[in-house]
Amino acid sequence: MELHEHLEQVRDADTFLSFARALAADKSTSSDWENTTIKAFLDGAISWAESSDFGLDQGLLPSNPWRQFAVFLYCGKIYE
């Protein structure tokens, strides 16, 4: 299963942990990470959260905080 598919399935604690495991595996096997240090990763995630109102501006529902946090972590990978 692709990383984005794991992300789409996050709805509770178990699916969040499945996504987090997939994200960790992706870091080990993929070279397409924009932010490769923990500082850059967190800076990217925080920048995304601030600029998108934690995803609300992008249609993320506050009723699913597990998915919001999964997207936060995903954006740590890709957001500059």
N, C-alpha and C. Protein backbone atom coordinates (compact mmCIF):
# COMPACT_ATOMS: atom_id res chain seq x y z
N MET A 1 0.85 -1.18 0.00
CA MET A 1 0.00 0.00 0.00
C MET A 1 0.89 1.24 0.00
N GLU A 2 0.53 2.20 -0.80
CA GLU A 2 1.28 3.45 -0.89
C GLU A 2 1.05 4.32 0.36
N LEU A 3 2.00 5.19 0.65
CA LEU A 3 1.91 6.04 1.84
C LEU A 3 0.64 6.88 1.82
N HIS A 4 0.30 7.48 0.68
CA HIS A 4 -0.89 8.32 0.62
C HIS A 4 -2.16 7.50 0.88
N GLU A 5 -2.15 6.21 0.55
CA GLU A 5 -3.30 5.36 0.83
C GLU A 5 -3.45 5.11 2.33
N HIS A 6 -2.33 4.93 3.02
CA HIS A 6 -2.36 4.82 4.48
C HIS A 6 -2.94 6.10 5.07
N LEU A 7 -2.50 7.24 4.56
CA LEU A 7 -2.96 8.53 5.06
C LEU A 7 -4.46 8.68 4.88
N GLU A 8 -4.98 8.28 3.74
CA GLU A 8 -6.42 8.41 3.45
C GLU A 8 -7.26 7.56 4.40
N GLN A 9 -6.68 6.49 4.95
CA GLN A 9 -7.44 5.57 5.79
C GLN A 9 -7.44 5.93 7.27
N VAL A 10 -6.71 6.96 7.67
CA VAL A 10 -6.60 7.28 9.10
C VAL A 10 -7.94 7.79 9.63
N ARG A 11 -8.43 7.10 10.66
CA ARG A 11 -9.70 7.47 11.28
C ARG A 11 -9.71 7.24 12.78
N ASP A 12 -8.71 6.51 13.31
CA ASP A 12 -8.67 6.18 14.73
C ASP A 12 -7.22 5.88 15.12
N ALA A 13 -7.03 5.49 16.37
CA ALA A 13 -5.68 5.25 16.87
C ALA A 13 -4.95 4.16 16.09
N ASP A 14 -5.64 3.07 15.79
CA ASP A 14 -4.99 1.96 15.09
C ASP A 14 -4.56 2.35 13.68
N THR A 15 -5.43 3.04 12.95
CA THR A 15 -5.06 3.42 11.58
C THR A 15 -4.02 4.53 11.59
N PHE A 16 -4.02 5.36 12.64
CA PHE A 16 -2.97 6.37 12.78
C PHE A 16 -1.61 5.69 12.96
N LEU A 17 -1.57 4.69 13.84
CA LEU A 17 -0.30 3.99 14.06
C LEU A 17 0.15 3.25 12.81
N SER A 18 -0.78 2.72 12.06
CA SER A 18 -0.44 2.07 10.79
C SER A 18 0.19 3.09 9.84
N PHE A 19 -0.40 4.28 9.78
CA PHE A 19 0.19 5.33 8.95
C PHE A 19 1.58 5.72 9.45
N ALA A 20 1.73 5.88 10.77
CA ALA A 20 3.03 6.28 11.33
C ALA A 20 4.10 5.23 11.01
N ARG A 21 3.74 3.96 11.08
CA ARG A 21 4.68 2.90 10.69
C ARG A 21 5.05 3.01 9.21
N ALA A 22 4.04 3.26 8.37
CA ALA A 22 4.30 3.40 6.93
C ALA A 22 5.17 4.62 6.65
N LEU A 23 4.96 5.71 7.38
CA LEU A 23 5.78 6.91 7.21
C LEU A 23 7.23 6.62 7.60
N ALA A 24 7.43 5.90 8.70
CA ALA A 24 8.79 5.54 9.12
C ALA A 24 9.46 4.65 8.08
N ALA A 25 8.71 3.69 7.54
CA ALA A 25 9.26 2.81 6.51
C ALA A 25 9.60 3.62 5.26
N ASP A 26 8.74 4.58 4.91
CA ASP A 26 9.00 5.42 3.75
C ASP A 26 10.29 6.21 3.92
N LYS A 27 10.55 6.68 5.12
CA LYS A 27 11.79 7.43 5.38
C LYS A 27 13.01 6.54 5.15
N SER A 28 12.87 5.27 5.48
CA SER A 28 13.99 4.33 5.32
C SER A 28 14.25 3.95 3.87
N THR A 29 13.21 4.02 3.04
CA THR A 29 13.35 3.49 1.68
C THR A 29 13.21 4.53 0.57
N SER A 30 12.81 5.75 0.90
CA SER A 30 12.54 6.75 -0.12
C SER A 30 13.53 7.91 -0.03
N SER A 31 13.88 8.45 -1.18
CA SER A 31 14.79 9.60 -1.20
C SER A 31 14.04 10.90 -1.52
N ASP A 32 12.71 10.85 -1.52
CA ASP A 32 11.95 12.04 -1.92
C ASP A 32 11.48 12.88 -0.73
N TRP A 33 12.17 12.78 0.39
CA TRP A 33 11.82 13.58 1.55
C TRP A 33 12.41 14.98 1.40
N GLU A 34 11.56 15.98 1.50
CA GLU A 34 11.99 17.37 1.41
C GLU A 34 12.78 17.77 2.66
N ASN A 35 12.34 17.28 3.82
CA ASN A 35 12.92 17.67 5.11
C ASN A 35 13.56 16.45 5.76
N THR A 36 14.87 16.43 5.80
CA THR A 36 15.58 15.22 6.23
C THR A 36 16.10 15.26 7.65
N THR A 37 16.06 16.41 8.30
CA THR A 37 16.44 16.47 9.71
C THR A 37 15.18 16.62 10.55
N ILE A 38 15.24 16.28 11.82
CA ILE A 38 14.07 16.41 12.68
C ILE A 38 13.63 17.87 12.76
N LYS A 39 14.59 18.80 12.80
CA LYS A 39 14.24 20.22 12.85
C LYS A 39 13.51 20.64 11.60
N ALA A 40 14.03 20.27 10.43
CA ALA A 40 13.38 20.64 9.17
C ALA A 40 12.01 19.96 9.06
N PHE A 41 11.92 18.71 9.51
CA PHE A 41 10.65 17.98 9.49
C PHE A 41 9.60 18.70 10.34
N LEU A 42 9.96 19.05 11.55
CA LEU A 42 9.02 19.74 12.43
C LEU A 42 8.70 21.15 11.92
N ASP A 43 9.70 21.84 11.42
CA ASP A 43 9.45 23.18 10.85
C ASP A 43 8.46 23.10 9.69
N GLY A 44 8.61 22.10 8.83
CA GLY A 44 7.69 21.93 7.71
C GLY A 44 6.28 21.63 8.18
N ALA A 45 6.16 20.72 9.14
CA ALA A 45 4.85 20.36 9.66
C ALA A 45 4.18 21.55 10.34
N ILE A 46 4.94 22.30 11.12
CA ILE A 46 4.39 23.47 11.81
C ILE A 46 3.99 24.54 10.81
N SER A 47 4.82 24.76 9.80
CA SER A 47 4.48 25.76 8.77
C SER A 47 3.18 25.40 8.07
N TRP A 48 3.03 24.11 7.73
CA TRP A 48 1.78 23.67 7.11
C TRP A 48 0.59 23.93 8.03
N ALA A 49 0.72 23.55 9.31
CA ALA A 49 -0.38 23.71 10.26
C ALA A 49 -0.76 25.18 10.41
N GLU A 50 0.22 26.04 10.47
CA GLU A 50 -0.06 27.48 10.62
C GLU A 50 -0.69 28.06 9.36
N SER A 51 -0.20 27.66 8.20
CA SER A 51 -0.70 28.26 6.96
C SER A 51 -2.06 27.70 6.53
N SER A 52 -2.43 26.52 7.03
CA SER A 52 -3.69 25.90 6.60
C SER A 52 -4.72 25.81 7.73
N ASP A 53 -4.44 26.47 8.86
CA ASP A 53 -5.30 26.35 10.05
C ASP A 53 -5.48 24.87 10.40
N PHE A 54 -4.35 24.19 10.47
CA PHE A 54 -4.27 22.76 10.79
C PHE A 54 -5.13 21.92 9.85
N GLY A 55 -5.15 22.33 8.58
CA GLY A 55 -5.85 21.58 7.55
C GLY A 55 -7.29 21.97 7.33
N LEU A 56 -7.83 22.82 8.19
CA LEU A 56 -9.24 23.22 8.03
C LEU A 56 -9.46 23.94 6.71
N ASP A 57 -8.48 24.75 6.29
CA ASP A 57 -8.57 25.45 5.00
C ASP A 57 -8.51 24.49 3.81
N GLN A 58 -8.07 23.26 4.07
CA GLN A 58 -7.96 22.25 3.01
C GLN A 58 -9.05 21.20 3.10
N GLY A 59 -10.01 21.43 3.98
CA GLY A 59 -11.14 20.51 4.08
C GLY A 59 -10.99 19.38 5.08
N LEU A 60 -9.92 19.37 5.87
CA LEU A 60 -9.81 18.35 6.90
C LEU A 60 -10.84 18.63 7.99
N LEU A 61 -11.49 17.60 8.43
CA LEU A 61 -12.55 17.77 9.42
C LEU A 61 -11.99 17.73 10.84
N PRO A 62 -12.37 18.68 11.68
CA PRO A 62 -11.90 18.66 13.06
C PRO A 62 -12.47 17.47 13.83
N SER A 63 -13.49 16.82 13.29
CA SER A 63 -14.06 15.64 13.94
C SER A 63 -13.16 14.42 13.81
N ASN A 64 -12.11 14.52 13.00
CA ASN A 64 -11.15 13.43 12.86
C ASN A 64 -9.74 13.93 13.19
N PRO A 65 -9.46 14.16 14.47
CA PRO A 65 -8.13 14.67 14.84
C PRO A 65 -7.01 13.69 14.52
N TRP A 66 -7.30 12.40 14.44
CA TRP A 66 -6.27 11.42 14.07
C TRP A 66 -5.76 11.71 12.66
N ARG A 67 -6.67 11.99 11.76
CA ARG A 67 -6.26 12.29 10.38
C ARG A 67 -5.55 13.63 10.31
N GLN A 68 -6.03 14.62 11.06
CA GLN A 68 -5.35 15.92 11.08
C GLN A 68 -3.89 15.75 11.51
N PHE A 69 -3.66 14.97 12.54
CA PHE A 69 -2.30 14.80 13.00
C PHE A 69 -1.48 13.96 12.03
N ALA A 70 -2.09 12.98 11.38
CA ALA A 70 -1.38 12.20 10.36
C ALA A 70 -0.95 13.11 9.21
N VAL A 71 -1.84 14.01 8.79
CA VAL A 71 -1.48 14.94 7.71
C VAL A 71 -0.38 15.88 8.19
N PHE A 72 -0.44 16.29 9.46
CA PHE A 72 0.63 17.11 10.04
C PHE A 72 1.97 16.40 9.87
N LEU A 73 2.03 15.12 10.22
CA LEU A 73 3.28 14.36 10.07
C LEU A 73 3.66 14.22 8.60
N TYR A 74 2.70 13.93 7.74
CA TYR A 74 2.98 13.80 6.32
C TYR A 74 3.56 15.10 5.76
N CYS A 75 3.01 16.22 6.20
CA CYS A 75 3.51 17.51 5.71
C CYS A 75 4.92 17.79 6.22
N GLY A 76 5.30 17.19 7.32
CA GLY A 76 6.68 17.27 7.77
C GLY A 76 7.63 16.71 6.73
N LYS A 77 7.15 15.73 5.98
CA LYS A 77 7.95 15.13 4.91
C LYS A 77 8.07 16.05 3.70
N ILE A 78 6.99 16.75 3.35
CA ILE A 78 6.93 17.41 2.04
C ILE A 78 6.87 18.93 2.05
N TYR A 79 6.44 19.53 3.15
CA TYR A 79 6.15 20.98 3.16
C TYR A 79 7.41 21.78 3.45
N GLU A 80 7.65 22.81 2.68
CA GLU A 80 8.82 23.67 2.91
C GLU A 80 8.43 24.94 3.61
